């Protein structure tokens, strides 16, 4: 079975950001779903045979998950546009503003200001410093990923790495996905017992809080020479770069930015997962001002406080790639 690693923080809805997750609790909660390991780096007796059995059961479970996802898409023709994703991301912001049935609202200047609010002492310089620190954490984590790792081991490794970098809380829970698990959207359990292969792809998504600011970074890495996996990883970055260029050069709304991203992904042969549709970022907690996705907003997002998330998957739904970064100016 092909193995792809996806190291992420579970984000069933944005509202969880109002209560930061202690890293220890986050990883232990995640690992309760995966009883293959007793402690970091130690396999249970008979783990090799157990892992083989788990993979077989996992493939069966993944097939059922894909069938359910396909049925959901058939029932909800707007899924590709993000209209069928309400359970994954809450569609509201504080102050009583709500979205319409299509997920986009027309807002007054006062409402926009409420959504884009930051703390009185918010510092762009500090925000950009935290951004750089989160990106360094992703690179450090990637340097510790090894072919043959179990998904459960990687879960602990990311937490240990962030602790070393003096992060004790995060604004969404950590999870790590390998293989076809990378195609499963937020809120769904991973198939347990999957190892990273020698010719595979993995991505990392972290959300630590440092000094009262939200760090957020994600990127995709390839362990081998598979051309489609390499293309997928590169395209996730390139789609983000094109979206950022469109944003920087005009007045595109959040909805227009993601409409552009979806078309670009389709032209390159990928499906864009609209469950990951961008979000607010800033001094903790930016979710107090807006908990919904960027792809729903009907105004031009301001610099240094909005994350663009690009998660693409191949048509066969066997692997994907992820990249995210702040819109900066």
Protein backbone atom coordinates (compact mmCIF):
# COMPACT_ATOMS: atom_id res chain seq x y z
CA UNK A 1 0.00 0.00 0.00
CA UNK A 2 1.36 3.41 -0.93
CA UNK A 3 2.10 5.48 2.15
CA UNK A 4 1.76 9.22 2.30
CA UNK A 5 2.33 11.15 5.50
CA UNK A 6 0.17 14.05 6.48
CA UNK A 7 1.02 15.70 9.77
CA UNK A 8 -1.75 18.04 10.78
CA UNK A 9 -3.79 19.47 13.60
CA UNK A 10 -7.36 18.23 13.72
CA UNK A 11 -9.68 21.11 12.95
CA UNK A 12 -13.34 20.02 12.93
CA UNK A 13 -14.48 23.62 13.28
CA UNK A 14 -12.85 26.98 13.84
CA UNK A 15 -14.55 27.52 17.20
CA UNK A 16 -12.09 25.16 18.90
CA UNK A 17 -9.48 27.91 18.53
CA UNK A 18 -11.13 29.82 21.39
CA UNK A 19 -9.75 27.23 23.82
CA UNK A 20 -6.12 26.39 22.98
CA UNK A 21 -5.04 22.75 23.17
CA UNK A 22 -2.19 21.85 25.52
CA UNK A 23 0.14 19.88 23.26
CA UNK A 24 0.38 16.91 25.63
CA UNK A 25 -3.40 16.55 25.79
CA UNK A 26 -3.75 16.99 22.06
CA UNK A 27 -1.40 14.20 21.10
CA UNK A 28 -2.67 11.79 23.76
CA UNK A 29 -6.25 12.40 22.60
CA UNK A 30 -5.22 11.68 19.03
CA UNK A 31 -3.35 8.52 19.96
CA UNK A 32 -6.30 7.04 21.86
CA UNK A 33 -7.69 6.25 18.42
CA UNK A 34 -4.51 4.34 17.52
CA UNK A 35 -3.68 1.71 20.18
CA UNK A 36 -0.72 0.20 18.26
CA UNK A 37 1.83 1.97 20.44
CA UNK A 38 2.26 2.08 24.21
CA UNK A 39 4.82 4.88 24.29
CA UNK A 40 6.80 6.92 21.79
CA UNK A 41 9.19 4.76 19.77
CA UNK A 42 8.06 1.44 21.32
CA UNK A 43 6.04 -1.08 19.32
CA UNK A 44 3.70 -3.49 21.03
CA UNK A 45 4.61 -7.19 20.97
CA UNK A 46 3.84 -8.62 17.56
CA UNK A 47 3.47 -5.14 16.11
CA UNK A 48 4.62 -6.17 12.62
CA UNK A 49 1.87 -8.78 12.26
CA UNK A 50 -0.58 -6.47 13.97
CA UNK A 51 0.31 -3.68 11.55
CA UNK A 52 -0.25 -5.99 8.57
CA UNK A 53 -3.67 -6.92 9.88
CA UNK A 54 -4.37 -3.28 10.62
CA UNK A 55 -3.48 -2.30 7.06
CA UNK A 56 -5.91 -4.84 5.64
CA UNK A 57 -8.64 -3.61 7.96
CA UNK A 58 -7.60 -0.06 7.19
CA UNK A 59 -7.98 -0.49 3.45
CA UNK A 60 -11.46 -1.83 4.02
CA UNK A 61 -12.32 1.10 6.30
CA UNK A 62 -10.87 3.61 3.85
CA UNK A 63 -12.92 2.11 1.03
CA UNK A 64 -16.04 2.56 3.15
CA UNK A 65 -15.03 6.15 3.94
CA UNK A 66 -14.55 6.93 0.25
CA UNK A 67 -17.91 5.37 -0.58
CA UNK A 68 -19.57 7.54 2.07
CA UNK A 69 -17.78 10.65 0.78
CA UNK A 70 -18.89 9.84 -2.78
CA UNK A 71 -22.47 9.39 -1.68
CA UNK A 72 -22.33 12.68 0.24
CA UNK A 73 -21.03 14.49 -2.84
CA UNK A 74 -23.81 12.99 -4.95
CA UNK A 75 -26.39 14.17 -2.44
CA UNK A 76 -24.80 17.61 -2.19
CA UNK A 77 -23.93 18.92 -5.66
CA UNK A 78 -22.42 22.05 -4.14
CA UNK A 79 -19.73 20.10 -2.23
CA UNK A 80 -17.02 20.98 -4.77
CA UNK A 81 -17.73 24.65 -4.12
CA UNK A 82 -17.65 24.17 -0.37
CA UNK A 83 -21.42 24.50 -0.03
CA UNK A 84 -21.80 21.02 1.42
CA UNK A 85 -19.13 21.42 4.08
CA UNK A 86 -21.02 23.15 6.88
CA UNK A 87 -20.37 20.45 9.51
CA UNK A 88 -16.58 20.81 9.00
CA UNK A 89 -16.37 24.58 9.35
CA UNK A 90 -18.76 26.78 11.27
CA UNK A 91 -20.08 29.56 9.06
CA UNK A 92 -20.40 32.48 11.37
CA UNK A 93 -18.49 35.32 12.88
CA UNK A 94 -18.99 37.17 16.11
CA UNK A 95 -21.21 40.21 16.23
CA UNK A 96 -24.30 38.53 14.73
CA UNK A 97 -23.14 38.40 11.09
CA UNK A 98 -24.31 35.28 9.25
CA UNK A 99 -23.85 33.89 5.76
CA UNK A 100 -26.59 33.10 3.26
CA UNK A 101 -27.43 29.68 1.80
CA UNK A 102 -24.64 30.03 -0.76
CA UNK A 103 -22.08 30.76 1.94
CA UNK A 104 -21.28 34.34 0.88
CA UNK A 105 -22.54 37.58 2.40
CA UNK A 106 -22.42 41.24 1.49
CA UNK A 107 -21.00 43.15 4.47
CA UNK A 108 -20.86 46.74 5.56
CA UNK A 109 -17.56 48.46 6.37
CA UNK A 110 -18.40 48.14 10.04
CA UNK A 111 -18.94 44.39 9.69
CA UNK A 112 -15.69 43.98 7.77
CA UNK A 113 -13.83 45.88 10.48
CA UNK A 114 -15.32 43.55 13.11
CA UNK A 115 -14.18 40.46 11.19
CA UNK A 116 -10.66 41.81 10.68
CA UNK A 117 -10.22 43.12 14.21
CA UNK A 118 -6.98 42.53 16.09
CA UNK A 119 -5.87 43.26 19.63
CA UNK A 120 -4.97 46.80 20.65
CA UNK A 121 -1.28 45.87 20.84
CA UNK A 122 -1.19 43.78 17.66
CA UNK A 123 2.18 44.04 15.92
CA UNK A 124 2.67 43.17 12.24
CA UNK A 125 6.38 42.76 12.91
CA UNK A 126 5.63 40.26 15.68
CA UNK A 127 3.09 38.45 13.51
CA UNK A 128 5.63 38.01 10.71
CA UNK A 129 8.21 36.80 13.21
CA UNK A 130 5.81 34.13 14.48
CA UNK A 131 5.09 33.15 10.86
CA UNK A 132 8.80 32.61 10.26
CA UNK A 133 9.08 30.59 13.48
CA UNK A 134 6.21 28.32 12.43
CA UNK A 135 7.80 27.77 9.02
CA UNK A 136 11.08 26.87 10.72
CA UNK A 137 9.19 24.38 12.88
CA UNK A 138 7.79 22.71 9.74
CA UNK A 139 11.30 22.38 8.31
CA UNK A 140 12.60 20.97 11.58
CA UNK A 141 9.77 18.45 11.78
CA UNK A 142 10.31 17.42 8.16
CA UNK A 143 14.00 16.76 8.87
CA UNK A 144 12.94 14.22 11.52
CA UNK A 145 10.45 12.32 9.39
CA UNK A 146 11.87 8.92 8.42
CA UNK A 147 10.84 6.32 5.90
CA UNK A 148 9.18 3.46 7.79
CA UNK A 149 7.72 5.67 10.55
CA UNK A 150 4.33 4.78 11.90
CA UNK A 151 1.73 7.52 11.82
CA UNK A 152 1.41 7.17 15.59
CA UNK A 153 5.14 7.81 16.10
CA UNK A 154 5.01 10.93 13.96
CA UNK A 155 2.12 12.20 16.08
CA UNK A 156 4.38 12.28 19.10
CA UNK A 157 7.41 13.56 17.21
CA UNK A 158 5.69 16.77 16.11
CA UNK A 159 4.63 17.55 19.67
CA UNK A 160 8.13 16.89 20.99
CA UNK A 161 9.59 19.19 18.32
CA UNK A 162 7.19 22.00 19.13
CA UNK A 163 7.90 21.61 22.84
CA UNK A 164 11.61 21.99 22.07
CA UNK A 165 10.71 25.25 20.36
CA UNK A 166 8.92 26.45 23.52
CA UNK A 167 5.36 25.95 22.25
CA UNK A 168 3.06 24.54 24.92
CA UNK A 169 -0.31 25.23 23.30
CA UNK A 170 -1.81 25.15 19.84
CA UNK A 171 -5.02 26.54 18.40
CA UNK A 172 -6.05 23.24 16.82
CA UNK A 173 -5.36 19.61 17.72
CA UNK A 174 -2.48 17.68 16.16
CA UNK A 175 -2.92 14.67 13.95
CA UNK A 176 -0.65 12.91 11.45
CA UNK A 177 -1.84 11.07 8.36
CA UNK A 178 0.05 8.65 6.13
CA UNK A 179 -0.86 7.20 2.77
CA UNK A 180 -4.40 7.45 1.49
CA UNK A 181 -5.35 8.95 4.86
CA UNK A 182 -4.13 12.27 3.44
CA UNK A 183 -7.26 12.44 1.28
CA UNK A 184 -9.58 12.32 4.31
CA UNK A 185 -10.87 15.70 5.34
CA UNK A 186 -10.83 17.19 8.84
CA UNK A 187 -12.94 15.46 11.46
CA UNK A 188 -12.58 11.93 10.06
CA UNK A 189 -10.40 9.36 11.81
CA UNK A 190 -7.23 8.06 10.19
CA UNK A 191 -6.81 4.40 9.31
CA UNK A 192 -4.30 3.18 11.94
CA UNK A 193 -0.97 1.43 11.49
CA UNK A 194 0.25 2.99 8.25
CA UNK A 195 3.98 3.46 7.63
CA UNK A 196 5.70 6.00 5.39
CA UNK A 197 7.17 4.46 2.25
CA UNK A 198 10.44 5.13 0.44
CA UNK A 199 8.79 6.70 -2.63
CA UNK A 200 6.02 8.73 -1.08
CA UNK A 201 4.71 12.14 -0.17
CA UNK A 202 3.85 13.71 3.18
CA UNK A 203 2.66 17.05 4.45
CA UNK A 204 2.85 18.92 7.72
CA UNK A 205 0.38 21.40 9.20
CA UNK A 206 1.04 22.98 12.59
CA UNK A 207 -0.67 25.69 14.62
CA UNK A 208 1.36 26.56 17.74
CA UNK A 209 0.74 29.63 19.87
CA UNK A 210 3.83 31.65 20.80
CA UNK A 211 3.81 34.81 22.91
CA UNK A 212 0.08 35.26 22.42
CA UNK A 213 0.29 35.01 18.60
CA UNK A 214 -1.02 32.26 16.34
CA UNK A 215 1.59 30.46 14.31
CA UNK A 216 0.39 28.48 11.30
CA UNK A 217 2.38 26.76 8.57
CA UNK A 218 2.03 23.81 6.24
CA UNK A 219 4.04 22.31 3.41
CA UNK A 220 4.44 19.07 1.44
CA UNK A 221 7.55 16.93 1.02
CA UNK A 222 8.34 13.93 -1.20
CA UNK A 223 10.51 11.02 -0.05
CA UNK A 224 11.15 9.53 -3.49
CA UNK A 225 10.95 10.30 -7.20
CA UNK A 226 7.29 9.60 -8.01
CA UNK A 227 6.58 12.25 -10.68
CA UNK A 228 2.89 12.69 -9.90
CA UNK A 229 3.54 13.13 -6.19
CA UNK A 230 6.28 15.64 -6.96
CA UNK A 231 3.94 17.50 -9.31
CA UNK A 232 1.18 17.51 -6.70
CA UNK A 233 3.49 18.97 -4.06
CA UNK A 234 4.75 21.64 -6.45
CA UNK A 235 1.26 22.51 -7.68
CA UNK A 236 -0.03 23.11 -4.14
CA UNK A 237 2.69 25.75 -3.71
CA UNK A 238 2.15 27.20 -7.16
CA UNK A 239 -1.61 27.52 -6.70
CA UNK A 240 -0.99 29.35 -3.44
CA UNK A 241 1.53 31.66 -5.14
CA UNK A 242 -0.95 32.45 -7.93
CA UNK A 243 -3.71 33.18 -5.41
CA UNK A 244 -1.37 35.46 -3.45
CA UNK A 245 -0.40 37.28 -6.65
CA UNK A 246 -4.06 37.78 -7.58
CA UNK A 247 -4.77 39.12 -4.09
CA UNK A 248 -1.75 41.43 -4.11
CA UNK A 249 -2.49 42.88 -7.53
CA UNK A 250 -6.13 43.78 -7.22
CA UNK A 251 -9.30 43.75 -5.16
CA UNK A 252 -10.35 40.09 -5.30
CA UNK A 253 -12.64 38.90 -2.51
CA UNK A 254 -12.04 35.76 -0.49
CA UNK A 255 -14.71 33.97 -2.53
CA UNK A 256 -13.06 35.08 -5.78
CA UNK A 257 -9.61 33.97 -4.61
CA UNK A 258 -10.88 30.46 -3.94
CA UNK A 259 -12.90 30.36 -7.14
CA UNK A 260 -9.63 31.10 -8.95
CA UNK A 261 -7.79 28.44 -6.92
CA UNK A 262 -10.46 25.83 -7.67
CA UNK A 263 -10.28 26.51 -11.42
CA UNK A 264 -6.47 26.39 -11.41
CA UNK A 265 -6.46 23.09 -9.52
CA UNK A 266 -8.96 21.59 -11.95
CA UNK A 267 -6.90 22.73 -14.96
CA UNK A 268 -3.92 20.88 -13.49
CA UNK A 269 -5.89 17.72 -12.88
CA UNK A 270 -6.51 18.05 -9.13
CA UNK A 271 -9.51 18.47 -6.86
CA UNK A 272 -9.35 21.37 -4.41
CA UNK A 273 -10.68 20.45 -0.96
CA UNK A 274 -12.91 23.37 -0.01
CA UNK A 275 -13.20 22.11 3.58
CA UNK A 276 -9.85 23.88 3.97
CA UNK A 277 -10.89 27.29 2.70
CA UNK A 278 -8.54 29.66 4.52
CA UNK A 279 -9.09 31.43 7.84
CA UNK A 280 -8.23 34.39 10.06
CA UNK A 281 -4.95 34.57 11.92
CA UNK A 282 -3.43 37.02 14.36
CA UNK A 283 -3.00 37.54 18.06
CA UNK A 284 -4.81 34.81 19.96
CA UNK A 285 -7.68 34.35 19.53
CA UNK A 286 -8.53 35.68 16.07
CA UNK A 287 -11.47 33.25 16.09
CA UNK A 288 -13.17 35.60 18.54
CA UNK A 289 -13.70 37.88 15.54
CA UNK A 290 -14.34 35.36 12.75
CA UNK A 291 -14.56 31.57 12.76
CA UNK A 292 -15.53 30.94 9.17
CA UNK A 293 -13.45 30.24 6.06
CA UNK A 294 -11.79 32.83 3.85
CA UNK A 295 -13.56 31.43 0.80
CA UNK A 296 -16.89 32.78 2.10
CA UNK A 297 -15.98 36.43 2.56
CA UNK A 298 -17.25 38.99 0.04
CA UNK A 299 -14.56 41.63 0.57
CA UNK A 300 -10.85 41.99 -0.22
CA UNK A 301 -8.92 40.50 2.71
CA UNK A 302 -6.38 42.72 4.44
CA UNK A 303 -2.69 41.89 4.67
CA UNK A 304 -1.01 39.91 7.45
CA UNK A 305 -4.16 38.45 9.07
CA UNK A 306 -5.51 35.87 6.59
CA UNK A 307 -4.24 32.36 5.85
CA UNK A 308 -4.75 30.75 2.44
CA UNK A 309 -4.95 26.94 2.61
CA UNK A 310 -4.49 24.82 -0.50
CA UNK A 311 -5.27 21.11 -0.17
CA UNK A 312 -5.42 19.25 -3.49
CA UNK A 313 -6.09 15.59 -4.21
CA UNK A 314 -5.67 13.41 -7.29
CA UNK A 315 -8.80 12.21 -9.15
CA UNK A 316 -8.32 8.67 -7.85
CA UNK A 317 -8.36 10.05 -4.30
CA UNK A 318 -5.20 8.15 -3.33
CA UNK A 319 -2.92 11.02 -2.27
CA UNK A 320 -2.89 14.77 -1.84
CA UNK A 321 -0.71 17.76 -1.07
CA UNK A 322 -1.09 20.76 1.21
CA UNK A 323 0.40 24.22 1.42
CA UNK A 324 -0.63 27.24 3.45
CA UNK A 325 0.78 30.66 4.21
CA UNK A 326 -0.20 34.14 5.29
CA UNK A 327 -1.21 36.80 2.77
CA UNK A 328 1.56 39.31 3.41
CA UNK A 329 2.36 42.73 2.05
